[in-house]
N, C-alpha and C. Protein backbone atom coordinates (compact mmCIF):
# COMPACT_ATOMS: atom_id res chain seq x y z
N UNK A 1 -41.94 -28.10 -14.90
CA UNK A 1 -40.95 -27.25 -14.93
C UNK A 1 -39.98 -28.06 -15.68
N UNK A 2 -38.69 -26.59 -16.15
CA UNK A 2 -37.80 -27.31 -16.92
C UNK A 2 -36.66 -28.01 -16.27
N UNK A 3 -36.33 -29.01 -17.17
CA UNK A 3 -34.94 -29.40 -15.92
C UNK A 3 -33.64 -28.40 -16.20
N UNK A 4 -33.01 -28.27 -15.23
CA UNK A 4 -31.84 -27.55 -15.66
C UNK A 4 -30.67 -27.67 -16.21
N UNK A 5 -30.04 -27.16 -17.14
CA UNK A 5 -28.97 -27.52 -17.98
C UNK A 5 -27.82 -26.79 -17.55
N UNK A 6 -26.58 -27.39 -18.01
CA UNK A 6 -25.12 -26.90 -17.41
C UNK A 6 -24.30 -26.26 -18.87
N UNK A 7 -24.46 -25.44 -18.81
CA UNK A 7 -23.19 -25.34 -19.92
C UNK A 7 -21.82 -25.84 -20.08
N UNK A 8 -21.18 -25.56 -21.32
CA UNK A 8 -19.77 -25.75 -20.64
C UNK A 8 -19.26 -24.82 -21.61
N UNK A 9 -17.79 -24.15 -21.19
CA UNK A 9 -16.85 -23.64 -21.67
C UNK A 9 -15.70 -24.22 -21.97
N UNK A 10 -14.44 -23.77 -22.50
CA UNK A 10 -13.39 -24.20 -22.76
C UNK A 10 -12.87 -23.69 -21.34
N UNK A 11 -12.00 -24.43 -20.64
CA UNK A 11 -11.22 -24.28 -19.42
C UNK A 11 -10.04 -23.34 -20.45
N UNK A 12 -9.31 -22.25 -19.37
CA UNK A 12 -8.13 -21.75 -19.71
C UNK A 12 -6.68 -22.51 -19.99
N UNK A 13 -6.43 -22.21 -21.69
CA UNK A 13 -4.83 -23.04 -21.69
C UNK A 13 -5.26 -24.50 -21.65
N UNK A 14 -6.59 -25.44 -21.76
CA UNK A 14 -6.91 -26.65 -22.32
C UNK A 14 -7.94 -26.67 -22.83
N UNK A 15 -8.10 -28.09 -23.26
CA UNK A 15 -9.08 -27.75 -24.70
C UNK A 15 -10.23 -28.80 -23.68
N UNK A 16 -10.27 -29.04 -22.24
CA UNK A 16 -11.31 -29.83 -21.43
C UNK A 16 -12.16 -28.78 -21.17
N UNK A 17 -13.53 -29.22 -21.46
CA UNK A 17 -14.68 -28.14 -20.93
C UNK A 17 -15.07 -27.86 -19.31
N UNK A 18 -15.18 -26.68 -19.34
CA UNK A 18 -15.60 -26.87 -17.65
C UNK A 18 -17.03 -26.39 -17.29
N UNK A 19 -17.62 -26.72 -16.65
CA UNK A 19 -19.23 -26.50 -16.41
C UNK A 19 -19.08 -24.15 -15.90
N UNK A 20 -19.74 -23.71 -16.63
CA UNK A 20 -19.75 -22.13 -16.97
C UNK A 20 -19.44 -21.96 -15.52
N UNK A 21 -20.54 -22.09 -14.48
CA UNK A 21 -20.38 -21.79 -12.80
C UNK A 21 -18.91 -22.01 -12.44
N UNK A 22 -17.99 -22.73 -12.79
CA UNK A 22 -16.64 -22.82 -12.55
C UNK A 22 -15.60 -22.07 -13.25
N UNK A 23 -16.46 -21.36 -14.87
CA UNK A 23 -15.08 -20.84 -15.58
C UNK A 23 -15.24 -19.17 -14.81
N UNK A 24 -16.65 -18.65 -13.86
CA UNK A 24 -16.50 -17.60 -14.36
C UNK A 24 -15.62 -16.83 -12.23
N UNK A 25 -14.63 -17.91 -11.83
CA UNK A 25 -13.58 -17.76 -10.80
C UNK A 25 -12.90 -16.99 -11.62
N UNK A 26 -12.64 -15.73 -10.67
CA UNK A 26 -11.37 -14.55 -11.24
C UNK A 26 -10.04 -15.13 -10.53
N UNK A 27 -8.86 -15.90 -11.82
CA UNK A 27 -7.88 -16.09 -10.92
C UNK A 27 -7.07 -15.27 -9.93
N UNK A 28 -6.24 -15.74 -8.84
CA UNK A 28 -5.81 -14.84 -7.87
C UNK A 28 -4.68 -13.81 -9.01
N UNK A 29 -4.32 -12.68 -8.56
CA UNK A 29 -3.14 -11.93 -9.71
C UNK A 29 -1.64 -12.83 -9.22
N UNK A 30 -1.09 -12.78 -10.48
CA UNK A 30 0.42 -13.70 -10.10
C UNK A 30 1.29 -12.36 -10.09
N UNK A 31 2.46 -12.30 -8.89
CA UNK A 31 3.02 -11.25 -8.86
C UNK A 31 4.46 -12.07 -8.95
N UNK A 32 5.04 -10.70 -9.22
CA UNK A 32 6.99 -11.02 -9.12
C UNK A 32 7.62 -11.46 -8.17
N UNK A 33 6.67 -10.61 -6.82
CA UNK A 33 7.61 -10.61 -5.53
C UNK A 33 6.46 -11.23 -4.43
N UNK A 34 7.05 -11.62 -3.88
CA UNK A 34 6.37 -12.01 -2.51
C UNK A 34 5.55 -10.57 -1.76
N UNK A 35 5.04 -10.66 -0.76
CA UNK A 35 4.45 -9.61 0.38
C UNK A 35 5.78 -9.33 0.88
N UNK A 36 6.29 -8.16 1.24
CA UNK A 36 6.84 -7.70 1.87
C UNK A 36 6.60 -7.74 3.78
N UNK A 37 7.64 -8.45 4.33
CA UNK A 37 7.19 -8.78 5.95
C UNK A 37 7.40 -7.20 6.42
N UNK A 38 6.72 -6.74 7.35
CA UNK A 38 6.63 -5.35 8.01
C UNK A 38 7.49 -6.05 9.23
N UNK A 39 8.40 -4.88 9.42
CA UNK A 39 9.39 -5.26 10.70
C UNK A 39 8.91 -4.49 12.12
N UNK A 40 9.14 -2.87 11.90
CA UNK A 40 8.82 -1.73 12.67
C UNK A 40 8.16 -1.16 12.20
N UNK A 41 7.96 0.05 12.71
CA UNK A 41 7.39 -0.28 14.24
C UNK A 41 6.52 -1.12 14.63
N UNK A 42 6.04 -1.46 15.68
CA UNK A 42 4.98 -2.17 16.11
C UNK A 42 3.36 -1.53 15.44
N UNK A 43 2.28 -2.36 15.56
CA UNK A 43 0.99 -1.72 15.08
C UNK A 43 0.71 -0.59 16.23
N UNK A 44 0.02 0.33 16.03
CA UNK A 44 -0.43 1.40 16.69
C UNK A 44 0.79 2.45 17.95
N UNK A 45 2.19 2.26 16.99
CA UNK A 45 2.90 2.93 17.51
C UNK A 45 2.85 4.50 17.35
N UNK A 46 2.96 5.07 18.64
CA UNK A 46 2.83 6.47 18.97
C UNK A 46 4.02 7.32 18.10
N UNK A 47 3.68 8.37 17.58
CA UNK A 47 5.02 9.24 16.74
C UNK A 47 4.56 11.07 17.01
N UNK A 48 5.18 11.48 17.82
CA UNK A 48 5.25 12.80 18.32
C UNK A 48 5.51 13.46 17.03
N UNK A 49 5.53 14.93 17.53
CA UNK A 49 5.38 15.87 16.53
C UNK A 49 6.47 16.13 15.48
N UNK A 50 7.53 15.93 16.20
CA UNK A 50 8.79 16.56 14.92
C UNK A 50 9.88 15.50 14.77
N UNK A 51 9.64 14.58 15.26
CA UNK A 51 11.20 13.38 15.60
C UNK A 51 11.24 12.14 14.40
N UNK A 52 9.69 12.53 13.33
CA UNK A 52 9.88 11.27 12.63
C UNK A 52 9.31 9.64 12.99
N UNK A 53 9.64 8.64 11.54
CA UNK A 53 9.67 7.86 12.04
C UNK A 53 10.04 6.89 11.48
N UNK A 54 10.55 5.59 11.82
CA UNK A 54 11.39 5.12 11.04
C UNK A 54 10.65 3.68 10.76
N UNK A 55 10.11 2.72 9.54
CA UNK A 55 9.47 1.96 8.70
C UNK A 55 10.22 1.17 8.50
N UNK A 56 10.52 -0.28 9.10
CA UNK A 56 10.64 -1.57 8.11
C UNK A 56 10.31 -2.62 7.76
N UNK A 57 11.11 -3.24 7.16
CA UNK A 57 10.56 -4.50 6.23
C UNK A 57 11.73 -5.16 6.11
N UNK A 58 11.30 -6.11 5.74
CA UNK A 58 12.53 -7.18 4.82
C UNK A 58 12.30 -7.25 3.78
N UNK A 59 13.26 -7.48 2.88
CA UNK A 59 13.42 -7.41 1.32
C UNK A 59 12.81 -8.72 0.90
N UNK A 60 12.67 -8.19 -0.20
CA UNK A 60 11.62 -9.52 -0.66
C UNK A 60 12.38 -10.05 -2.33
N UNK A 61 14.03 -9.45 -2.32
CA UNK A 61 14.39 -10.13 -3.28
C UNK A 61 15.26 -9.34 -3.85
N UNK A 62 16.11 -9.60 -5.23
CA UNK A 62 16.74 -8.74 -5.51
C UNK A 62 15.96 -8.01 -6.74
N UNK A 63 16.06 -6.37 -6.17
CA UNK A 63 15.37 -5.30 -7.34
C UNK A 63 15.81 -4.83 -8.68
N UNK A 64 15.28 -5.44 -9.49
CA UNK A 64 15.85 -4.70 -10.79
C UNK A 64 16.13 -3.20 -10.50
N UNK A 65 16.73 -2.58 -11.57
CA UNK A 65 17.27 -1.40 -12.09
C UNK A 65 15.65 -0.47 -11.66
N UNK A 66 14.58 -0.24 -12.54
CA UNK A 66 13.82 0.19 -12.53
C UNK A 66 12.28 -0.58 -11.60
N UNK A 67 13.03 -1.06 -10.50
CA UNK A 67 11.82 -1.44 -9.64
C UNK A 67 11.99 -1.09 -8.07
N UNK A 68 10.85 -0.44 -7.47
CA UNK A 68 11.04 0.18 -6.17
C UNK A 68 10.51 -0.67 -5.20
N UNK A 69 10.97 -0.29 -3.77
CA UNK A 69 9.64 -0.68 -2.58
C UNK A 69 8.69 0.63 -2.65
N UNK A 70 7.58 0.62 -2.78
CA UNK A 70 6.85 1.57 -3.08
C UNK A 70 5.87 1.80 -1.42
N UNK A 71 6.63 2.76 -0.81
CA UNK A 71 5.51 3.00 0.57
C UNK A 71 4.71 3.83 0.63
N UNK A 72 3.39 3.23 0.68
CA UNK A 72 1.69 3.99 0.88
C UNK A 72 1.63 4.41 2.29
N UNK A 73 1.01 5.35 2.47
CA UNK A 73 0.86 6.23 3.77
C UNK A 73 -0.60 6.52 3.37
N UNK A 74 -1.52 6.93 4.47
CA UNK A 74 -3.05 7.39 4.19
C UNK A 74 -3.45 7.44 5.67
N UNK A 75 -4.48 8.72 5.75
CA UNK A 75 -5.04 8.96 6.72
C UNK A 75 -6.36 9.53 7.09
N UNK A 76 -7.20 8.85 7.52
CA UNK A 76 -8.59 9.37 7.21
C UNK A 76 -8.75 10.52 8.35
N UNK A 77 -8.79 11.83 8.23
CA UNK A 77 -9.30 12.86 9.13
C UNK A 77 -9.46 13.98 8.69
N UNK A 78 -9.96 14.88 9.30
CA UNK A 78 -10.37 16.30 8.72
C UNK A 78 -8.75 17.39 7.66
N UNK A 79 -8.77 17.22 6.99
CA UNK A 79 -7.90 18.10 6.81
C UNK A 79 -8.04 18.91 4.94
N UNK A 80 -8.65 20.88 5.24
CA UNK A 80 -8.96 21.18 3.89
C UNK A 80 -9.75 21.06 3.16
N UNK A 81 -11.00 20.36 4.08
CA UNK A 81 -12.48 20.05 3.92
C UNK A 81 -12.30 18.25 3.41
N UNK A 82 -11.07 17.98 3.80
CA UNK A 82 -11.45 16.63 3.22
C UNK A 82 -10.73 15.87 4.26
N UNK A 83 -11.17 14.36 4.01
CA UNK A 83 -11.32 13.58 5.32
C UNK A 83 -10.17 12.36 5.33
N UNK A 84 -9.52 12.30 4.10
CA UNK A 84 -8.21 12.03 3.70
C UNK A 84 -7.05 12.17 3.16
N UNK A 85 -5.92 11.85 4.09
CA UNK A 85 -4.71 12.47 2.99
C UNK A 85 -4.28 11.31 3.10
N UNK A 86 -3.26 10.60 1.85
CA UNK A 86 -2.34 10.12 1.49
C UNK A 86 -1.15 10.73 0.77
N UNK A 87 0.13 9.66 0.97
CA UNK A 87 1.32 10.35 0.26
C UNK A 87 2.07 8.84 0.16
N UNK A 88 3.15 9.02 -0.72
CA UNK A 88 3.95 7.43 -0.98
C UNK A 88 5.50 7.89 -1.16
N UNK A 89 6.35 6.86 -1.25
CA UNK A 89 7.51 7.25 -1.50
C UNK A 89 7.95 5.94 -2.28
N UNK A 90 9.24 5.89 -3.45
CA UNK A 90 9.30 5.40 -4.03
C UNK A 90 10.81 5.05 -3.62
N UNK A 91 11.52 3.60 -3.22
CA UNK A 91 12.76 3.64 -2.03
C UNK A 91 13.41 1.88 -2.80
N UNK A 92 14.77 1.86 -2.75
CA UNK A 92 15.40 0.85 -2.68
C UNK A 92 15.68 0.52 -1.57
N UNK A 93 15.48 1.07 -0.26
CA UNK A 93 16.31 0.82 1.29
C UNK A 93 14.82 0.10 1.90
N UNK A 94 14.76 -0.41 2.42
CA UNK A 94 14.34 -1.74 3.65
C UNK A 94 14.14 -1.37 4.56
N UNK A 95 14.48 0.09 5.03
CA UNK A 95 14.62 1.05 6.24
C UNK A 95 14.42 2.34 5.65
N UNK A 96 13.30 3.14 5.84
CA UNK A 96 13.32 4.25 6.02
C UNK A 96 13.05 5.76 7.08
N UNK A 97 13.46 6.49 7.18
CA UNK A 97 13.43 7.34 8.32
C UNK A 97 12.48 8.25 6.96
N UNK A 98 11.35 8.52 7.79
CA UNK A 98 10.35 9.26 7.82
C UNK A 98 10.24 10.55 8.18
N UNK A 99 10.87 11.60 7.45
CA UNK A 99 11.20 12.88 8.12
C UNK A 99 10.15 13.67 8.40
N UNK A 100 10.32 14.41 9.48
CA UNK A 100 9.27 15.28 9.74
C UNK A 100 8.46 16.48 8.77
N UNK A 101 9.25 16.49 8.21
CA UNK A 101 8.72 17.73 6.94
C UNK A 101 7.32 16.50 5.52
N UNK A 102 8.17 15.73 5.65
CA UNK A 102 7.34 14.91 5.17
C UNK A 102 5.64 14.53 5.49
N UNK A 103 6.38 13.95 7.26
CA UNK A 103 4.89 13.37 7.79
C UNK A 103 4.68 14.40 8.56
N UNK A 104 4.58 15.52 8.59
CA UNK A 104 3.83 17.09 9.18
C UNK A 104 2.49 17.08 9.02
N UNK A 105 2.00 16.39 7.41
CA UNK A 105 0.32 16.71 7.10
C UNK A 105 -0.22 15.57 7.54
N UNK A 106 0.46 14.64 8.48
CA UNK A 106 0.24 13.49 8.75
C UNK A 106 -0.60 13.78 10.23
N UNK A 107 -0.12 14.81 10.65
CA UNK A 107 -0.61 15.05 12.43
C UNK A 107 -1.63 16.15 12.13
N UNK A 108 -2.43 16.04 12.40
CA UNK A 108 -3.75 16.64 12.88
C UNK A 108 -3.39 18.03 13.73
N UNK A 109 -4.65 18.85 13.09
CA UNK A 109 -4.58 20.16 14.62
C UNK A 109 -4.70 19.86 15.78
N UNK A 110 -4.56 20.65 16.44
CA UNK A 110 -4.62 20.44 18.54
C UNK A 110 -6.18 19.75 18.15
N UNK A 111 -6.62 20.63 17.97
CA UNK A 111 -7.95 20.81 17.88
C UNK A 111 -8.82 18.96 17.45
N UNK A 112 -8.16 18.38 16.58
CA UNK A 112 -8.79 17.24 15.84
C UNK A 112 -7.81 15.99 17.04
N UNK A 113 -6.67 16.09 17.76
CA UNK A 113 -6.59 14.98 18.50
C UNK A 113 -5.62 14.12 17.32
N UNK A 114 -4.94 12.77 17.95
CA UNK A 114 -4.25 12.10 17.07
C UNK A 114 -5.35 12.13 15.63
N UNK A 115 -4.11 11.30 14.89
CA UNK A 115 -4.39 10.60 13.73
C UNK A 115 -3.84 9.32 13.68
N UNK A 116 -4.57 8.46 12.69
CA UNK A 116 -4.44 6.67 12.88
C UNK A 116 -3.58 6.40 11.04
N UNK A 117 -2.61 6.63 11.32
CA UNK A 117 -2.01 6.50 9.87
C UNK A 117 -1.74 5.20 9.42
N UNK A 118 -2.04 4.59 8.26
CA UNK A 118 -2.48 3.50 8.18
C UNK A 118 -0.59 3.09 6.50
N UNK A 119 -0.13 1.66 6.87
CA UNK A 119 0.99 1.90 6.23
C UNK A 119 1.22 0.82 5.85
N UNK A 120 1.70 0.77 4.64
CA UNK A 120 2.23 -0.53 3.41
C UNK A 120 2.86 -0.71 2.71
N UNK A 121 3.45 -2.04 1.96
CA UNK A 121 4.58 -1.81 1.02
C UNK A 121 4.07 -2.75 0.51
N UNK A 122 5.25 -2.69 -0.94
CA UNK A 122 4.51 -3.69 -2.07
C UNK A 122 5.41 -3.10 -3.11
N UNK A 123 6.26 -3.78 -4.07
CA UNK A 123 7.47 -3.87 -5.34
C UNK A 123 6.49 -3.00 -6.52
N UNK A 124 7.19 -2.24 -6.88
CA UNK A 124 6.68 -1.68 -8.27
C UNK A 124 7.34 -1.25 -9.16
N UNK A 125 7.21 -1.19 -10.55
CA UNK A 125 7.66 -0.92 -11.47
C UNK A 125 7.86 0.98 -11.76
N UNK A 126 8.73 1.50 -11.35
CA UNK A 126 8.50 2.69 -12.17
C UNK A 126 8.80 3.29 -13.45
N UNK A 127 7.42 4.04 -13.79
CA UNK A 127 7.24 3.56 -15.42
C UNK A 127 7.45 5.60 -16.12
N UNK A 128 7.49 6.37 -14.35
CA UNK A 128 7.32 7.73 -15.30
C UNK A 128 7.04 8.67 -13.94
N UNK A 129 6.91 9.86 -14.49
CA UNK A 129 6.42 10.66 -13.11
C UNK A 129 5.35 11.67 -13.39
N UNK A 130 4.77 11.71 -12.67
CA UNK A 130 3.57 12.80 -12.61
C UNK A 130 3.99 14.31 -12.90
N UNK A 131 2.81 14.92 -12.94
CA UNK A 131 3.29 16.54 -13.24
C UNK A 131 3.96 17.95 -12.22
N UNK A 132 3.91 16.62 -10.85
CA UNK A 132 4.84 17.17 -10.05
C UNK A 132 6.09 16.70 -9.76
N UNK A 133 6.53 16.06 -10.04
CA UNK A 133 7.64 15.34 -10.29
C UNK A 133 7.69 13.59 -9.09
N UNK A 134 6.99 13.37 -8.79
CA UNK A 134 6.50 12.07 -8.22
C UNK A 134 6.76 10.60 -8.95
N UNK A 135 7.20 9.88 -8.55
CA UNK A 135 7.44 8.80 -9.35
C UNK A 135 5.49 8.15 -9.45
N UNK A 136 5.72 7.27 -10.58
CA UNK A 136 4.29 6.24 -11.05
C UNK A 136 4.93 5.22 -11.35
N UNK A 137 4.30 4.29 -11.31
CA UNK A 137 4.78 2.78 -11.51
C UNK A 137 3.21 2.09 -11.81
N UNK A 138 3.65 0.66 -12.01
CA UNK A 138 3.10 -0.60 -11.66
C UNK A 138 3.35 -1.52 -10.81
N UNK A 139 2.47 -1.85 -9.98
CA UNK A 139 2.30 -3.12 -8.93
C UNK A 139 3.15 -4.26 -9.71
N UNK A 140 3.98 -4.86 -9.18
CA UNK A 140 4.70 -5.87 -9.47
C UNK A 140 4.70 -6.86 -8.18
N UNK A 141 4.56 -6.57 -6.67
CA UNK A 141 4.82 -7.52 -5.99
C UNK A 141 2.91 -7.60 -5.04
N UNK A 142 3.15 -8.48 -4.03
CA UNK A 142 2.04 -8.63 -3.35
C UNK A 142 2.04 -7.41 -2.43
N UNK A 143 0.59 -6.87 -1.86
CA UNK A 143 0.92 -5.68 -1.09
C UNK A 143 1.53 -6.80 0.30
N UNK A 144 1.86 -5.41 1.11
CA UNK A 144 1.87 -6.14 2.39
C UNK A 144 0.71 -5.90 3.43
N UNK A 145 0.48 -6.68 4.89
CA UNK A 145 -0.66 -6.37 5.38
C UNK A 145 -0.05 -4.99 5.99
N UNK A 146 -1.63 -4.47 6.22
CA UNK A 146 -0.98 -3.17 6.74
C UNK A 146 -1.14 -3.31 8.06
N UNK A 147 -0.52 -1.65 8.46
CA UNK A 147 -0.04 -1.43 9.90
C UNK A 147 -0.18 -0.26 9.86
N UNK A 148 -0.33 0.54 11.21
CA UNK A 148 -0.70 1.92 11.76
C UNK A 148 0.25 2.14 12.74
N UNK A 149 0.14 3.70 12.57
CA UNK A 149 0.96 4.10 13.88
C UNK A 149 0.08 5.86 14.48
N UNK A 150 0.43 6.29 15.07
CA UNK A 150 -0.50 7.24 15.72
C UNK A 150 0.10 8.45 15.79
N UNK A 151 0.04 9.84 15.29
CA UNK A 151 0.25 10.93 15.22
C UNK A 151 -0.66 11.92 16.19
N UNK A 152 0.34 12.15 16.86
CA UNK A 152 0.41 13.37 17.84
C UNK A 152 0.04 14.69 17.24
N UNK A 153 -0.95 15.21 17.72
CA UNK A 153 -1.65 16.76 17.40
C UNK A 153 -0.13 17.63 16.77
N UNK A 154 -0.13 18.88 15.85
CA UNK A 154 0.64 19.79 15.86
C UNK A 154 0.24 20.47 16.62
N UNK A 155 1.24 21.07 17.55
CA UNK A 155 1.20 21.78 18.83
C UNK A 155 0.38 23.31 18.18
N UNK A 156 -0.55 24.13 18.97
CA UNK A 156 -0.77 25.19 18.84
C UNK A 156 -1.29 25.42 17.22
N UNK A 157 -1.33 24.29 16.56
CA UNK A 157 -2.24 24.36 14.93
C UNK A 157 -3.76 24.08 15.04
């Protein structure tokens, strides 16, 4: 039976060799900003058909002119033959009132019952806009833990 051997490769930014099995670990990404702390509403918060919902988080520091909080919302349910719907907002605010018109697609038809919407926030640098005028960007901060709210169905829909 052959004797096992150890292969060495240079460690990143040093001249000290390390075992190959130690060199394969992927370092955790380094973020410019920490994960925002979500303040409200509490997890599984019920949201009726028309009032909207205020989402709040703690600031992570002074954002540069081209840096924004990236608020992502998504729901898994039937909608136009898809089982997922998501949208996002770039904002400088740490409290954002999600208006009923923006929230409407997250409310399922009455026959489907309630929908669970997952949301989270991180910091992003705006790099442009897509063909629909929505901002595009690159992640600069660690994402917050995910939280949910529960939308009531659309009446009569």
